[in-house]
C-alpha atoms as a PDB file:
ATOM      1  CA  MET A   1       6.305 -27.687  -5.646  1.00  0.00           C
ATOM      2  CA  ALA A   2       6.587 -27.523  -1.857  1.00  0.00           C
ATOM      3  CA  GLU A   3       3.586 -26.669   0.291  1.00  0.00           C
ATOM      4  CA  PRO A   4       3.835 -23.708   2.679  1.00  0.00           C
ATOM      5  CA  THR A   5       3.368 -24.145   6.409  1.00  0.00           C
ATOM      6  CA  ILE A   6      -0.036 -22.992   7.630  1.00  0.00           C
ATOM      7  CA  ALA A   7       0.785 -20.204  10.076  1.00  0.00           C
ATOM      8  CA  GLN A   8      -2.834 -19.974  11.265  1.00  0.00           C
ATOM      9  CA  LYS A   9      -6.269 -20.822   9.874  1.00  0.00           C
ATOM     10  CA  ALA A  10      -7.449 -17.211   9.955  1.00  0.00           C
ATOM     11  CA  PRO A  11      -6.312 -13.931   8.421  1.00  0.00           C
ATOM     12  CA  TYR A  12      -4.114 -11.384  10.189  1.00  0.00           C
ATOM     13  CA  GLY A  13      -5.902  -8.058  10.625  1.00  0.00           C
ATOM     14  CA  THR A  14      -3.058  -5.580  10.280  1.00  0.00           C
ATOM     15  CA  PRO A  15      -2.858  -1.767  10.247  1.00  0.00           C
ATOM     16  CA  VAL A  16      -0.906  -0.417   7.254  1.00  0.00           C
ATOM     17  CA  GLU A  17       0.269   3.033   6.150  1.00  0.00           C
ATOM     18  CA  ALA A  18      -0.370   4.446   2.669  1.00  0.00           C
ATOM     19  CA  GLY A  19       2.730   4.237   0.449  1.00  0.00           C
ATOM     20  CA  LYS A  20       4.606   1.840   2.741  1.00  0.00           C
ATOM     21  CA  THR A  21       5.720  -1.550   1.393  1.00  0.00           C
ATOM     22  CA  TYR A  22       5.312  -4.688   3.486  1.00  0.00           C
ATOM     23  CA  HIS A  23       6.783  -8.133   2.772  1.00  0.00           C
ATOM     24  CA  TRP A  24       4.286 -10.903   3.442  1.00  0.00           C
ATOM     25  CA  CYS A  25       5.610 -14.313   4.483  1.00  0.00           C
ATOM     26  CA  ALA A  26       4.751 -16.895   1.813  1.00  0.00           C
ATOM     27  CA  CYS A  27       6.439 -19.904   3.446  1.00  0.00           C
ATOM     28  CA  GLY A  28       4.551 -19.768   6.752  1.00  0.00           C
ATOM     29  CA  LYS A  29       7.672 -20.207   8.884  1.00  0.00           C
ATOM     30  CA  SER A  30       8.301 -16.596   9.895  1.00  0.00           C
ATOM     31  CA  ALA A  31       8.206 -15.805  13.610  1.00  0.00           C
ATOM     32  CA  LYS A  32       6.973 -12.307  12.652  1.00  0.00           C
ATOM     33  CA  GLN A  33       3.715 -13.343  10.937  1.00  0.00           C
ATOM     34  CA  PRO A  34       2.255 -12.155   8.683  1.00  0.00           C
ATOM     35  CA  PHE A  35       5.558 -10.629   7.610  1.00  0.00           C
ATOM     36  CA  CYS A  36       8.791 -12.201   6.396  1.00  0.00           C
ATOM     37  CA  ASP A  37      11.746 -12.663   8.742  1.00  0.00           C
ATOM     38  CA  GLY A  38      13.961 -14.544   6.250  1.00  0.00           C
ATOM     39  CA  SER A  39      12.949 -18.054   7.368  1.00  0.00           C
ATOM     40  CA  HIS A  40      12.339 -18.996   3.715  1.00  0.00           C
ATOM     41  CA  LYS A  41      16.050 -18.818   2.831  1.00  0.00           C
ATOM     42  CA  GLY A  42      17.199 -22.013   1.166  1.00  0.00           C
ATOM     43  CA  SER A  43      13.671 -22.879   0.015  1.00  0.00           C
ATOM     44  CA  GLU A  44      11.684 -22.155  -3.140  1.00  0.00           C
ATOM     45  CA  PHE A  45       9.577 -19.564  -1.314  1.00  0.00           C
ATOM     46  CA  ALA A  46      10.018 -15.802  -1.466  1.00  0.00           C
ATOM     47  CA  PRO A  47       8.173 -12.998   0.320  1.00  0.00           C
ATOM     48  CA  VAL A  48       5.444 -11.107  -1.531  1.00  0.00           C
ATOM     49  CA  ALA A  49       5.718  -7.303  -1.570  1.00  0.00           C
ATOM     50  CA  TYR A  50       2.550  -5.352  -0.797  1.00  0.00           C
ATOM     51  CA  THR A  51       2.394  -1.560  -1.022  1.00  0.00           C
ATOM     52  CA  ALA A  52      -0.563  -0.054   0.789  1.00  0.00           C
ATOM     53  CA  ASP A  53      -2.654   2.319  -1.314  1.00  0.00           C
ATOM     54  CA  LYS A  54      -4.320   3.795   1.776  1.00  0.00           C
ATOM     55  CA  THR A  55      -3.869   3.876   5.533  1.00  0.00           C
ATOM     56  CA  GLY A  56      -6.109   1.483   7.461  1.00  0.00           C
ATOM     57  CA  ASP A  57      -6.587  -2.163   8.338  1.00  0.00           C
ATOM     58  CA  VAL A  58      -6.093  -4.967   5.808  1.00  0.00           C
ATOM     59  CA  TRP A  59      -6.409  -8.749   6.116  1.00  0.00           C
ATOM     60  CA  PHE A  60      -3.234 -10.656   5.241  1.00  0.00           C
ATOM     61  CA  CYS A  61      -3.595 -14.392   4.550  1.00  0.00           C
ATOM     62  CA  GLY A  62      -2.542 -16.588   7.472  1.00  0.00           C
ATOM     63  CA  CYS A  63      -3.119 -20.017   5.916  1.00  0.00           C
ATOM     64  CA  LYS A  64      -0.854 -19.296   2.900  1.00  0.00           C
ATOM     65  CA  ALA A  65      -3.439 -20.821   0.531  1.00  0.00           C
ATOM     66  CA  SER A  66      -5.080 -17.621  -0.756  1.00  0.00           C
ATOM     67  CA  LYS A  67      -5.383 -17.216  -4.516  1.00  0.00           C
ATOM     68  CA  LYS A  68      -5.171 -13.445  -3.919  1.00  0.00           C
ATOM     69  CA  SER A  69      -1.998 -13.461  -1.803  1.00  0.00           C
ATOM     70  CA  PRO A  70      -0.935 -11.647   0.179  1.00  0.00           C
ATOM     71  CA  MET A  71      -4.552 -10.800   0.998  1.00  0.00           C
ATOM     72  CA  CYS A  72      -7.028 -13.272   2.500  1.00  0.00           C
ATOM     73  CA  ASP A  73      -9.637 -14.686   0.106  1.00  0.00           C
ATOM     74  CA  GLY A  74     -11.333 -17.030   2.593  1.00  0.00           C
ATOM     75  CA  SER A  75      -9.368 -20.148   1.567  1.00  0.00           C
ATOM     76  CA  HIS A  76      -8.749 -20.972   5.247  1.00  0.00           C
ATOM     77  CA  LYS A  77     -12.432 -21.955   5.553  1.00  0.00           C
ATOM     78  CA  ALA A  78     -11.782 -25.045   3.421  1.00  0.00           C
ATOM     79  CA  LEU A  79      -8.755 -26.299   5.381  1.00  0.00           C
END
């Protein structure tokens, strides 16, 4: 299995709206981090859909190593 590109070694604090679906970049190559821009096409990666249950700030994984993707679980601290 291919390894994703580390976009950054920190999470992306991002405002979200309740009921809206966001597509998190799993490959790490998107120019629109933390969201997908289609850069994964032709690879084994696919974006991960996230639907916000409430309006507010969330922390999307930037290192692409989280076991709770698309949310940060602190995995970047071990990189």
